[in-house]
Amino acid sequence: MGKKVSMARYEAAVEGYEGYCAACKKWSAECCEPDARGYECPRCEQPKVYGAEEAMMMGLVEVM
C-alpha cells in the first residue's frame, strides 16, 4: 500500500512535474516527467524517484 494523497495533491504533483521517491517517501520539487523512472532523489541521492503518474501506477502513492 502506497502513501495516501488527496486528488488535489496528486494533480499538483503532476502539473508541477514533481517526482516521488520510493526510498525516502518524499515528493521532490525537481523537474520530473510524469512517467519518469529511476531519477536520482535530491534528498537521499538514491535513484528511486518516479514521476507522479508512474508512482501512482506502481502503487507507491494512492489517490484518495
Protein backbone atom coordinates (compact mmCIF):
# COMPACT_ATOMS: atom_id res chain seq x y z
CA MET A 1 0.00 0.00 0.00
CA GLY A 2 1.37 3.39 -1.02
CA LYS A 3 1.34 6.81 0.55
CA LYS A 4 -2.19 8.24 0.57
CA VAL A 5 -2.57 11.63 -1.08
CA SER A 6 -5.56 13.79 -1.99
CA MET A 7 -6.60 14.25 -5.60
CA ALA A 8 -5.61 17.92 -5.33
CA ARG A 9 -2.10 16.99 -4.10
CA TYR A 10 -1.69 14.40 -6.85
CA GLU A 11 -2.80 16.86 -9.55
CA ALA A 12 -0.41 19.49 -8.16
CA ALA A 13 2.44 16.96 -8.36
CA VAL A 14 1.61 16.08 -11.98
CA GLU A 15 1.26 19.72 -13.05
CA GLY A 16 4.36 20.76 -11.11
CA TYR A 17 6.48 17.94 -12.56
CA GLU A 18 7.24 16.57 -9.11
CA GLY A 19 8.65 13.13 -8.53
CA TYR A 20 8.06 10.75 -5.65
CA CYS A 21 10.99 8.97 -4.04
CA ALA A 22 10.35 5.32 -3.15
CA ALA A 23 13.34 5.36 -0.78
CA CYS A 24 12.68 8.40 1.43
CA LYS A 25 8.91 8.61 0.74
CA LYS A 26 9.00 12.33 -0.12
CA TRP A 27 7.90 14.45 -3.08
CA SER A 28 10.70 16.30 -4.82
CA ALA A 29 10.28 19.69 -6.42
CA GLU A 30 12.74 18.83 -9.18
CA CYS A 31 11.73 18.73 -12.83
CA CYS A 32 10.43 15.21 -13.28
CA GLU A 33 8.32 13.98 -16.18
CA PRO A 34 5.06 12.30 -15.02
CA ASP A 35 6.24 8.92 -16.42
CA ALA A 36 9.83 9.16 -15.13
CA ARG A 37 11.58 6.15 -13.59
CA GLY A 38 14.78 5.90 -11.61
CA TYR A 39 15.68 9.56 -11.30
CA GLU A 40 18.11 10.48 -8.53
CA CYS A 41 16.49 11.91 -5.40
CA PRO A 42 17.86 15.34 -4.41
CA ARG A 43 17.33 14.46 -0.72
CA CYS A 44 18.62 10.91 -0.28
CA GLU A 45 20.55 10.65 -3.58
CA GLN A 46 19.07 7.24 -4.39
CA PRO A 47 17.91 6.52 -7.98
CA LYS A 48 14.37 5.83 -6.81
CA VAL A 49 12.36 8.85 -7.95
CA TYR A 50 9.31 8.20 -10.11
CA GLY A 51 7.08 10.71 -11.83
CA ALA A 52 3.71 11.30 -10.18
CA GLU A 53 1.75 9.26 -12.73
CA GLU A 54 4.27 6.43 -12.69
CA ALA A 55 4.32 6.39 -8.87
CA MET A 56 0.51 6.05 -8.84
CA MET A 57 0.53 3.22 -11.40
CA MET A 58 3.22 1.40 -9.42
CA GLY A 59 1.22 1.72 -6.19
CA LEU A 60 3.76 3.99 -4.48
CA VAL A 61 1.09 6.64 -3.98
CA GLU A 62 -2.63 6.09 -3.57
CA VAL A 63 -5.01 8.88 -4.62
CA MET A 64 -7.91 9.26 -2.24
